[in-house]
Amino acid sequence: KKGDRVALFLSNSPQYFIVHFGIQKLGAIVSPCSPAFKE
């Protein structure tokens, strides 16, 4: 729901655009994680 955080763990791709705007359309918050991250 609005205000919830959704994390992204992926690199450049059409999917990045899709999920970025999908999350924001719902009023939720996009939070990118670097694909270089270790555990």
PDB file of all heavy atoms in Angstrom:
ATOM      1  N   LYS A   1       0.836  -1.203   0.000  1.00  0.00           N
ATOM      2  CA  LYS A   1       0.000   0.000   0.000  1.00  0.00           C
ATOM      3  C   LYS A   1       0.869   1.251   0.000  1.00  0.00           C
ATOM      4  O   LYS A   1       2.092   1.180   0.069  1.00  0.00           O
ATOM      5  CB  LYS A   1      -0.931  -0.004   1.215  1.00  0.00           C
ATOM      6  CG  LYS A   1      -0.227  -0.094   2.549  1.00  0.00           C
ATOM      7  CD  LYS A   1      -1.222  -0.266   3.679  1.00  0.00           C
ATOM      8  CE  LYS A   1      -0.517  -0.288   5.034  1.00  0.00           C
ATOM      9  NZ  LYS A   1       0.500  -1.349   5.157  1.00  0.00           N
ATOM     10  N   LYS A   2       0.208   2.388  -0.086  1.00  0.00           N
ATOM     11  CA  LYS A   2       0.903   3.671  -0.124  1.00  0.00           C
ATOM     12  C   LYS A   2       1.847   3.807   1.073  1.00  0.00           C
ATOM     13  O   LYS A   2       1.470   3.536   2.210  1.00  0.00           O
ATOM     14  CB  LYS A   2      -0.118   4.809  -0.102  1.00  0.00           C
ATOM     15  CG  LYS A   2       0.466   6.188  -0.327  1.00  0.00           C
ATOM     16  CD  LYS A   2      -0.651   7.215  -0.482  1.00  0.00           C
ATOM     17  CE  LYS A   2      -0.089   8.593  -0.801  1.00  0.00           C
ATOM     18  NZ  LYS A   2      -1.156   9.579  -1.039  1.00  0.00           N
ATOM     19  N   GLY A   3       3.068   4.206   0.793  1.00  0.00           N
ATOM     20  CA  GLY A   3       4.057   4.406   1.842  1.00  0.00           C
ATOM     21  C   GLY A   3       4.918   3.203   2.134  1.00  0.00           C
ATOM     22  O   GLY A   3       5.952   3.330   2.810  1.00  0.00           O
ATOM     23  N   ASP A   4       4.544   2.019   1.617  1.00  0.00           N
ATOM     24  CA  ASP A   4       5.370   0.826   1.825  1.00  0.00           C
ATOM     25  C   ASP A   4       6.630   0.928   0.968  1.00  0.00           C
ATOM     26  O   ASP A   4       6.634   1.542  -0.104  1.00  0.00           O
ATOM     27  CB  ASP A   4       4.602  -0.441   1.456  1.00  0.00           C
ATOM     28  CG  ASP A   4       3.561  -0.805   2.497  1.00  0.00           C
ATOM     29  OD1 ASP A   4       3.585  -0.200   3.597  1.00  0.00           O
ATOM     30  OD2 ASP A   4       2.716  -1.679   2.216  1.00  0.00           O
ATOM     31  N   ARG A   5       7.695   0.289   1.434  1.00  0.00           N
ATOM     32  CA  ARG A   5       8.955   0.287   0.705  1.00  0.00           C
ATOM     33  C   ARG A   5       9.111  -1.015  -0.072  1.00  0.00           C
ATOM     34  O   ARG A   5       8.872  -2.094   0.485  1.00  0.00           O
ATOM     35  CB  ARG A   5      10.157   0.443   1.655  1.00  0.00           C
ATOM     36  CG  ARG A   5      10.365   1.845   2.204  1.00  0.00           C
ATOM     37  CD  ARG A   5       9.420   2.212   3.300  1.00  0.00           C
ATOM     38  NE  ARG A   5       9.445   1.251   4.397  1.00  0.00           N
ATOM     39  CZ  ARG A   5       8.431   1.034   5.219  1.00  0.00           C
ATOM     40  NH1 ARG A   5       7.286   1.700   5.076  1.00  0.00           N
ATOM     41  NH2 ARG A   5       8.533   0.140   6.196  1.00  0.00           N
ATOM     42  N   VAL A   6       9.507  -0.913  -1.337  1.00  0.00           N
ATOM     43  CA  VAL A   6       9.787  -2.087  -2.165  1.00  0.00           C
ATOM     44  C   VAL A   6      11.222  -1.952  -2.666  1.00  0.00           C
ATOM     45  O   VAL A   6      11.587  -0.935  -3.258  1.00  0.00           O
ATOM     46  CB  VAL A   6       8.811  -2.200  -3.352  1.00  0.00           C
ATOM     47  CG1 VAL A   6       9.146  -3.421  -4.199  1.00  0.00           C
ATOM     48  CG2 VAL A   6       7.372  -2.279  -2.850  1.00  0.00           C
ATOM     49  N   ALA A   7      12.033  -2.988  -2.421  1.00  0.00           N
ATOM     50  CA  ALA A   7      13.449  -2.930  -2.780  1.00  0.00           C
ATOM     51  C   ALA A   7      13.691  -3.536  -4.154  1.00  0.00           C
ATOM     52  O   ALA A   7      13.057  -4.531  -4.530  1.00  0.00           O
ATOM     53  CB  ALA A   7      14.279  -3.665  -1.725  1.00  0.00           C
ATOM     54  N   LEU A   8      14.621  -2.946  -4.900  1.00  0.00           N
ATOM     55  CA  LEU A   8      15.030  -3.446  -6.215  1.00  0.00           C
ATOM     56  C   LEU A   8      16.479  -3.881  -6.146  1.00  0.00           C
ATOM     57  O   LEU A   8      17.338  -3.141  -5.644  1.00  0.00           O
ATOM     58  CB  LEU A   8      14.887  -2.366  -7.292  1.00  0.00           C
ATOM     59  CG  LEU A   8      13.555  -1.621  -7.396  1.00  0.00           C
ATOM     60  CD1 LEU A   8      13.563  -0.740  -8.629  1.00  0.00           C
ATOM     61  CD2 LEU A   8      12.402  -2.580  -7.423  1.00  0.00           C
ATOM     62  N   PHE A   9      16.749  -5.074  -6.663  1.00  0.00           N
ATOM     63  CA  PHE A   9      18.103  -5.640  -6.630  1.00  0.00           C
ATOM     64  C   PHE A   9      18.415  -6.152  -8.030  1.00  0.00           C
ATOM     65  O   PHE A   9      18.475  -7.338  -8.280  1.00  0.00           O
ATOM     66  CB  PHE A   9      18.142  -6.772  -5.587  1.00  0.00           C
ATOM     67  CG  PHE A   9      19.510  -7.313  -5.264  1.00  0.00           C
ATOM     68  CD1 PHE A   9      20.628  -6.501  -5.204  1.00  0.00           C
ATOM     69  CD2 PHE A   9      19.668  -8.668  -4.981  1.00  0.00           C
ATOM     70  CE1 PHE A   9      21.881  -7.010  -4.880  1.00  0.00           C
ATOM     71  CE2 PHE A   9      20.910  -9.195  -4.648  1.00  0.00           C
ATOM     72  CZ  PHE A   9      22.023  -8.362  -4.600  1.00  0.00           C
ATOM     73  N   LEU A  10      18.579  -5.211  -8.960  1.00  0.00           N
ATOM     74  CA  LEU A  10      18.816  -5.573 -10.349  1.00  0.00           C
ATOM     75  C   LEU A  10      19.492  -4.427 -11.094  1.00  0.00           C
ATOM     76  O   LEU A  10      19.466  -3.280 -10.647  1.00  0.00           O
ATOM     77  CB  LEU A  10      17.530  -5.977 -11.045  1.00  0.00           C
ATOM     78  CG  LEU A  10      16.426  -4.955 -11.307  1.00  0.00           C
ATOM     79  CD1 LEU A  10      15.488  -5.478 -12.397  1.00  0.00           C
ATOM     80  CD2 LEU A  10      15.615  -4.657 -10.066  1.00  0.00           C
ATOM     81  N   SER A  11      20.079  -4.787 -12.226  1.00  0.00           N
ATOM     82  CA  SER A  11      20.805  -3.821 -13.060  1.00  0.00           C
ATOM     83  C   SER A  11      19.911  -3.297 -14.178  1.00  0.00           C
ATOM     84  O   SER A  11      18.723  -3.621 -14.253  1.00  0.00           O
ATOM     85  CB  SER A  11      22.053  -4.490 -13.656  1.00  0.00           C
ATOM     86  OG  SER A  11      22.985  -4.819 -12.652  1.00  0.00           O
ATOM     87  N   ASN A  12      20.523  -2.508 -15.068  1.00  0.00           N
ATOM     88  CA  ASN A  12      19.800  -1.898 -16.182  1.00  0.00           C
ATOM     89  C   ASN A  12      19.049  -2.942 -17.001  1.00  0.00           C
ATOM     90  O   ASN A  12      19.635  -3.937 -17.449  1.00  0.00           O
ATOM     91  CB  ASN A  12      20.770  -1.155 -17.095  1.00  0.00           C
ATOM     92  CG  ASN A  12      21.357   0.079 -16.457  1.00  0.00           C
ATOM     93  OD1 ASN A  12      21.155   0.328 -15.271  1.00  0.00           O
ATOM     94  ND2 ASN A  12      22.083   0.859 -17.236  1.00  0.00           N
ATOM     95  N   SER A  13      17.768  -2.688 -17.217  1.00  0.00           N
ATOM     96  CA  SER A  13      16.916  -3.594 -17.974  1.00  0.00           C
ATOM     97  C   SER A  13      15.559  -2.919 -18.143  1.00  0.00           C
ATOM     98  O   SER A  13      15.211  -2.022 -17.370  1.00  0.00           O
ATOM     99  CB  SER A  13      16.745  -4.925 -17.232  1.00  0.00           C
ATOM    100  OG  SER A  13      16.261  -4.706 -15.918  1.00  0.00           O
ATOM    101  N   PRO A  14      14.752  -3.356 -19.125  1.00  0.00           N
ATOM    102  CA  PRO A  14      13.389  -2.832 -19.212  1.00  0.00           C
ATOM    103  C   PRO A  14      12.599  -3.099 -17.934  1.00  0.00           C
ATOM    104  O   PRO A  14      11.744  -2.309 -17.540  1.00  0.00           O
ATOM    105  CB  PRO A  14      12.794  -3.599 -20.403  1.00  0.00           C
ATOM    106  CG  PRO A  14      13.969  -3.985 -21.232  1.00  0.00           C
ATOM    107  CD  PRO A  14      15.077  -4.252 -20.255  1.00  0.00           C
ATOM    108  N   GLN A  15      12.899  -4.230 -17.275  1.00  0.00           N
ATOM    109  CA  GLN A  15      12.200  -4.571 -16.037  1.00  0.00           C
ATOM    110  C   GLN A  15      12.400  -3.496 -14.974  1.00  0.00           C
ATOM    111  O   GLN A  15      11.508  -3.276 -14.140  1.00  0.00           O
ATOM    112  CB  GLN A  15      12.683  -5.914 -15.503  1.00  0.00           C
ATOM    113  CG  GLN A  15      12.401  -7.095 -16.422  1.00  0.00           C
ATOM    114  CD  GLN A  15      13.550  -7.433 -17.341  1.00  0.00           C
ATOM    115  OE1 GLN A  15      14.078  -6.555 -18.029  1.00  0.00           O
ATOM    116  NE2 GLN A  15      13.952  -8.691 -17.357  1.00  0.00           N
ATOM    117  N   TYR A  16      13.566  -2.846 -14.982  1.00  0.00           N
ATOM    118  CA  TYR A  16      13.809  -1.789 -13.991  1.00  0.00           C
ATOM    119  C   TYR A  16      12.788  -0.667 -14.169  1.00  0.00           C
ATOM    120  O   TYR A  16      12.199  -0.180 -13.200  1.00  0.00           O
ATOM    121  CB  TYR A  16      15.240  -1.255 -14.112  1.00  0.00           C
ATOM    122  CG  TYR A  16      15.724  -0.571 -12.860  1.00  0.00           C
ATOM    123  CD1 TYR A  16      16.647  -1.185 -12.036  1.00  0.00           C
ATOM    124  CD2 TYR A  16      15.235   0.677 -12.479  1.00  0.00           C
ATOM    125  CE1 TYR A  16      17.079  -0.577 -10.858  1.00  0.00           C
ATOM    126  CE2 TYR A  16      15.645   1.291 -11.316  1.00  0.00           C
ATOM    127  CZ  TYR A  16      16.577   0.665 -10.516  1.00  0.00           C
ATOM    128  OH  TYR A  16      16.984   1.271  -9.345  1.00  0.00           O
ATOM    129  N   PHE A  17      12.594  -0.244 -15.407  1.00  0.00           N
ATOM    130  CA  PHE A  17      11.585   0.794 -15.695  1.00  0.00           C
ATOM    131  C   PHE A  17      10.199   0.330 -15.236  1.00  0.00           C
ATOM    132  O   PHE A  17       9.446   1.084 -14.612  1.00  0.00           O
ATOM    133  CB  PHE A  17      11.535   1.084 -17.200  1.00  0.00           C
ATOM    134  CG  PHE A  17      12.578   2.035 -17.705  1.00  0.00           C
ATOM    135  CD1 PHE A  17      13.919   1.690 -17.735  1.00  0.00           C
ATOM    136  CD2 PHE A  17      12.220   3.279 -18.189  1.00  0.00           C
ATOM    137  CE1 PHE A  17      14.874   2.554 -18.228  1.00  0.00           C
ATOM    138  CE2 PHE A  17      13.169   4.167 -18.687  1.00  0.00           C
ATOM    139  CZ  PHE A  17      14.508   3.802 -18.697  1.00  0.00           C
ATOM    140  N   ILE A  18       9.854  -0.899 -15.574  1.00  0.00           N
ATOM    141  CA  ILE A  18       8.508  -1.406 -15.300  1.00  0.00           C
ATOM    142  C   ILE A  18       8.220  -1.422 -13.807  1.00  0.00           C
ATOM    143  O   ILE A  18       7.189  -0.913 -13.352  1.00  0.00           O
ATOM    144  CB  ILE A  18       8.350  -2.822 -15.896  1.00  0.00           C
ATOM    145  CG1 ILE A  18       8.371  -2.759 -17.425  1.00  0.00           C
ATOM    146  CG2 ILE A  18       7.050  -3.475 -15.409  1.00  0.00           C
ATOM    147  CD1 ILE A  18       8.576  -4.108 -18.103  1.00  0.00           C
ATOM    148  N   VAL A  19       9.132  -2.004 -13.030  1.00  0.00           N
ATOM    149  CA  VAL A  19       8.848  -2.125 -11.595  1.00  0.00           C
ATOM    150  C   VAL A  19       8.980  -0.776 -10.891  1.00  0.00           C
ATOM    151  O   VAL A  19       8.237  -0.490  -9.948  1.00  0.00           O
ATOM    152  CB  VAL A  19       9.743  -3.204 -10.935  1.00  0.00           C
ATOM    153  CG1 VAL A  19       9.474  -4.558 -11.578  1.00  0.00           C
ATOM    154  CG2 VAL A  19      11.218  -2.874 -11.000  1.00  0.00           C
ATOM    155  N   HIS A  20       9.910   0.066 -11.338  1.00  0.00           N
ATOM    156  CA  HIS A  20      10.086   1.395 -10.750  1.00  0.00           C
ATOM    157  C   HIS A  20       8.769   2.179 -10.824  1.00  0.00           C
ATOM    158  O   HIS A  20       8.278   2.688  -9.810  1.00  0.00           O
ATOM    159  CB  HIS A  20      11.203   2.141 -11.475  1.00  0.00           C
ATOM    160  CG  HIS A  20      11.428   3.545 -11.018  1.00  0.00           C
ATOM    161  ND1 HIS A  20      12.432   3.887 -10.148  1.00  0.00           N
ATOM    162  CD2 HIS A  20      10.786   4.709 -11.312  1.00  0.00           C
ATOM    163  CE1 HIS A  20      12.395   5.187  -9.917  1.00  0.00           C
ATOM    164  NE2 HIS A  20      11.404   5.714 -10.617  1.00  0.00           N
ATOM    165  N   PHE A  21       8.194   2.256 -12.023  1.00  0.00           N
ATOM    166  CA  PHE A  21       6.966   3.033 -12.179  1.00  0.00           C
ATOM    167  C   PHE A  21       5.758   2.297 -11.604  1.00  0.00           C
ATOM    168  O   PHE A  21       4.815   2.927 -11.117  1.00  0.00           O
ATOM    169  CB  PHE A  21       6.753   3.412 -13.639  1.00  0.00           C
ATOM    170  CG  PHE A  21       7.649   4.531 -14.084  1.00  0.00           C
ATOM    171  CD1 PHE A  21       8.675   4.312 -14.976  1.00  0.00           C
ATOM    172  CD2 PHE A  21       7.472   5.814 -13.577  1.00  0.00           C
ATOM    173  CE1 PHE A  21       9.522   5.348 -15.373  1.00  0.00           C
ATOM    174  CE2 PHE A  21       8.306   6.857 -13.966  1.00  0.00           C
ATOM    175  CZ  PHE A  21       9.334   6.621 -14.853  1.00  0.00           C
ATOM    176  N   GLY A  22       5.763   0.966 -11.643  1.00  0.00           N
ATOM    177  CA  GLY A  22       4.672   0.225 -11.046  1.00  0.00           C
ATOM    178  C   GLY A  22       4.579   0.467  -9.550  1.00  0.00           C
ATOM    179  O   GLY A  22       3.494   0.680  -8.997  1.00  0.00           O
ATOM    180  N   ILE A  23       5.708   0.450  -8.880  1.00  0.00           N
ATOM    181  CA  ILE A  23       5.755   0.715  -7.440  1.00  0.00           C
ATOM    182  C   ILE A  23       5.238   2.116  -7.151  1.00  0.00           C
ATOM    183  O   ILE A  23       4.395   2.326  -6.268  1.00  0.00           O
ATOM    184  CB  ILE A  23       7.196   0.554  -6.913  1.00  0.00           C
ATOM    185  CG1 ILE A  23       7.647  -0.904  -7.003  1.00  0.00           C
ATOM    186  CG2 ILE A  23       7.315   1.050  -5.460  1.00  0.00           C
ATOM    187  CD1 ILE A  23       9.151  -1.086  -6.881  1.00  0.00           C
ATOM    188  N   GLN A  24       5.719   3.086  -7.906  1.00  0.00           N
ATOM    189  CA  GLN A  24       5.337   4.468  -7.651  1.00  0.00           C
ATOM    190  C   GLN A  24       3.879   4.743  -8.005  1.00  0.00           C
ATOM    191  O   GLN A  24       3.221   5.563  -7.352  1.00  0.00           O
ATOM    192  CB  GLN A  24       6.270   5.411  -8.408  1.00  0.00           C
ATOM    193  CG  GLN A  24       7.690   5.410  -7.856  1.00  0.00           C
ATOM    194  CD  GLN A  24       8.572   6.472  -8.477  1.00  0.00           C
ATOM    195  OE1 GLN A  24       8.256   7.037  -9.520  1.00  0.00           O
ATOM    196  NE2 GLN A  24       9.691   6.752  -7.819  1.00  0.00           N
ATOM    197  N   LYS A  25       3.336   4.067  -9.010  1.00  0.00           N
ATOM    198  CA  LYS A  25       1.922   4.255  -9.343  1.00  0.00           C
ATOM    199  C   LYS A  25       1.018   3.862  -8.185  1.00  0.00           C
ATOM    200  O   LYS A  25      -0.074   4.411  -8.022  1.00  0.00           O
ATOM    201  CB  LYS A  25       1.556   3.436 -10.585  1.00  0.00           C
ATOM    202  CG  LYS A  25       2.032   4.041 -11.901  1.00  0.00           C
ATOM    203  CD  LYS A  25       1.627   3.154 -13.066  1.00  0.00           C
ATOM    204  CE  LYS A  25       1.967   3.809 -14.401  1.00  0.00           C
ATOM    205  NZ  LYS A  25       1.524   3.006 -15.549  1.00  0.00           N
ATOM    206  N   LEU A  26       1.463   2.912  -7.405  1.00  0.00           N
ATOM    207  CA  LEU A  26       0.680   2.437  -6.269  1.00  0.00           C
ATOM    208  C   LEU A  26       0.828   3.351  -5.055  1.00  0.00           C
ATOM    209  O   LEU A  26       0.120   3.189  -4.063  1.00  0.00           O
ATOM    210  CB  LEU A  26       1.131   1.018  -5.916  1.00  0.00           C
ATOM    211  CG  LEU A  26       0.260   0.193  -4.994  1.00  0.00           C
ATOM    212  CD1 LEU A  26      -1.129  -0.005  -5.570  1.00  0.00           C
ATOM    213  CD2 LEU A  26       0.913  -1.161  -4.714  1.00  0.00           C
ATOM    214  N   GLY A  27       1.741   4.326  -5.150  1.00  0.00           N
ATOM    215  CA  GLY A  27       2.006   5.194  -4.012  1.00  0.00           C
ATOM    216  C   GLY A  27       3.039   4.616  -3.068  1.00  0.00           C
ATOM    217  O   GLY A  27       3.287   5.166  -1.991  1.00  0.00           O
ATOM    218  N   ALA A  28       3.643   3.494  -3.449  1.00  0.00           N
ATOM    219  CA  ALA A  28       4.714   2.895  -2.639  1.00  0.00           C
ATOM    220  C   ALA A  28       6.040   3.553  -2.993  1.00  0.00           C
ATOM    221  O   ALA A  28       6.123   4.419  -3.871  1.00  0.00           O
ATOM    222  CB  ALA A  28       4.758   1.391  -2.853  1.00  0.00           C
ATOM    223  N   ILE A  29       7.108   3.141  -2.304  1.00  0.00           N
ATOM    224  CA  ILE A  29       8.403   3.813  -2.392  1.00  0.00           C
ATOM    225  C   ILE A  29       9.443   2.859  -2.964  1.00  0.00           C
ATOM    226  O   ILE A  29       9.623   1.749  -2.461  1.00  0.00           O
ATOM    227  CB  ILE A  29       8.848   4.307  -1.004  1.00  0.00           C
ATOM    228  CG1 ILE A  29       7.802   5.265  -0.421  1.00  0.00           C
ATOM    229  CG2 ILE A  29      10.215   4.974  -1.069  1.00  0.00           C
ATOM    230  CD1 ILE A  29       7.989   5.538   1.070  1.00  0.00           C
ATOM    231  N   VAL A  30      10.137   3.290  -4.008  1.00  0.00           N
ATOM    232  CA  VAL A  30      11.213   2.521  -4.630  1.00  0.00           C
ATOM    233  C   VAL A  30      12.492   2.695  -3.817  1.00  0.00           C
ATOM    234  O   VAL A  30      12.869   3.817  -3.467  1.00  0.00           O
ATOM    235  CB  VAL A  30      11.465   3.003  -6.072  1.00  0.00           C
ATOM    236  CG1 VAL A  30      12.681   2.306  -6.673  1.00  0.00           C
ATOM    237  CG2 VAL A  30      10.232   2.796  -6.939  1.00  0.00           C
ATOM    238  N   SER A  31      13.177   1.581  -3.537  1.00  0.00           N
ATOM    239  CA  SER A  31      14.490   1.673  -2.886  1.00  0.00           C
ATOM    240  C   SER A  31      15.478   0.762  -3.612  1.00  0.00           C
ATOM    241  O   SER A  31      15.430  -0.463  -3.466  1.00  0.00           O
ATOM    242  CB  SER A  31      14.415   1.295  -1.412  1.00  0.00           C
ATOM    243  OG  SER A  31      15.668   1.532  -0.784  1.00  0.00           O
ATOM    244  N   PRO A  32      16.381   1.330  -4.417  1.00  0.00           N
ATOM    245  CA  PRO A  32      17.339   0.522  -5.157  1.00  0.00           C
ATOM    246  C   PRO A  32      18.446  -0.016  -4.250  1.00  0.00           C
ATOM    247  O   PRO A  32      18.942   0.681  -3.365  1.00  0.00           O
ATOM    248  CB  PRO A  32      17.928   1.504  -6.178  1.00  0.00           C
ATOM    249  CG  PRO A  32      17.117   2.746  -6.078  1.00  0.00           C
ATOM    250  CD  PRO A  32      16.508   2.760  -4.720  1.00  0.00           C
ATOM    251  N   CYS A  33      18.833  -1.267  -4.493  1.00  0.00           N
ATOM    252  CA  CYS A  33      19.997  -1.878  -3.852  1.00  0.00           C
ATOM    253  C   CYS A  33      21.033  -2.139  -4.938  1.00  0.00           C
ATOM    254  O   CYS A  33      20.694  -2.616  -6.024  1.00  0.00           O
ATOM    255  CB  CYS A  33      19.626  -3.197  -3.186  1.00  0.00           C
ATOM    256  SG  CYS A  33      18.308  -3.102  -1.955  1.00  0.00           S
ATOM    257  N   SER A  34      22.278  -1.866  -4.656  1.00  0.00           N
ATOM    258  CA  SER A  34      23.322  -2.080  -5.657  1.00  0.00           C
ATOM    259  C   SER A  34      23.447  -3.558  -5.996  1.00  0.00           C
ATOM    260  O   SER A  34      23.557  -4.395  -5.094  1.00  0.00           O
ATOM    261  CB  SER A  34      24.670  -1.566  -5.134  1.00  0.00           C
ATOM    262  OG  SER A  34      25.727  -2.027  -5.957  1.00  0.00           O
ATOM    263  N   PRO A  35      23.447  -3.924  -7.285  1.00  0.00           N
ATOM    264  CA  PRO A  35      23.665  -5.325  -7.665  1.00  0.00           C
ATOM    265  C   PRO A  35      25.043  -5.844  -7.267  1.00  0.00           C
ATOM    266  O   PRO A  35      25.277  -7.051  -7.322  1.00  0.00           O
ATOM    267  CB  PRO A  35      23.520  -5.296  -9.197  1.00  0.00           C
ATOM    268  CG  PRO A  35      22.728  -4.075  -9.485  1.00  0.00           C
ATOM    269  CD  PRO A  35      23.132  -3.081  -8.445  1.00  0.00           C
ATOM    270  N   ALA A  36      25.941  -4.941  -6.863  1.00  0.00           N
ATOM    271  CA  ALA A  36      27.257  -5.369  -6.378  1.00  0.00           C
ATOM    272  C   ALA A  36      27.215  -5.810  -4.915  1.00  0.00           C
ATOM    273  O   ALA A  36      28.204  -6.324  -4.394  1.00  0.00           O
ATOM    274  CB  ALA A  36      28.261  -4.227  -6.537  1.00  0.00           C
ATOM    275  N   PHE A  37      26.076  -5.612  -4.257  1.00  0.00           N
ATOM    276  CA  PHE A  37      25.970  -5.971  -2.844  1.00  0.00           C
ATOM    277  C   PHE A  37      26.265  -7.449  -2.607  1.00  0.00           C
ATOM    278  O   PHE A  37      25.822  -8.322  -3.355  1.00  0.00           O
ATOM    279  CB  PHE A  37      24.553  -5.701  -2.328  1.00  0.00           C
ATOM    280  CG  PHE A  37      24.309  -4.289  -1.859  1.00  0.00           C
ATOM    281  CD1 PHE A  37      23.052  -3.925  -1.396  1.00  0.00           C
ATOM    282  CD2 PHE A  37      25.300  -3.335  -1.872  1.00  0.00           C
ATOM    283  CE1 PHE A  37      22.788  -2.641  -0.961  1.00  0.00           C
ATOM    284  CE2 PHE A  37      25.053  -2.038  -1.449  1.00  0.00           C
ATOM    285  CZ  PHE A  37      23.795  -1.694  -0.986  1.00  0.00           C
ATOM    286  N   LYS A  38      26.985  -7.716  -1.506  1.00  0.00           N
ATOM    287  CA  LYS A  38      27.088  -9.057  -0.960  1.00  0.00           C
ATOM    288  C   LYS A  38      26.034  -9.180   0.144  1.00  0.00           C
ATOM    289  O   LYS A  38      25.291  -8.248   0.423  1.00  0.00           O
ATOM    290  CB  LYS A  38      28.497  -9.295  -0.434  1.00  0.00           C
ATOM    291  CG  LYS A  38      29.589  -9.184  -1.495  1.00  0.00           C
ATOM    292  CD  LYS A  38      29.408 -10.207  -2.597  1.00  0.00           C
ATOM    293  CE  LYS A  38      30.620 -10.306  -3.518  1.00  0.00           C
ATOM    294  NZ  LYS A  38      30.861  -9.126  -4.338  1.00  0.00           N
ATOM    295  N   GLU A  39      25.993 -10.346   0.782  1.00  0.00           N
ATOM    296  CA  GLU A  39      24.852 -10.617   1.661  1.00  0.00           C
ATOM    297  C   GLU A  39      24.717  -9.649   2.831  1.00  0.00           C
ATOM    298  O   GLU A  39      23.599  -9.244   3.187  1.00  0.00           O
ATOM    299  CB  GLU A  39      24.888 -12.068   2.174  1.00  0.00           C
ATOM    300  CG  GLU A  39      26.146 -12.483   2.868  1.00  0.00           C
ATOM    301  CD  GLU A  39      27.102 -13.226   1.949  1.00  0.00           C
ATOM    302  OE1 GLU A  39      27.119 -12.938   0.738  1.00  0.00           O
ATOM    303  OE2 GLU A  39      27.846 -14.087   2.457  1.00  0.00           O
TER     304      GLU A  39
END
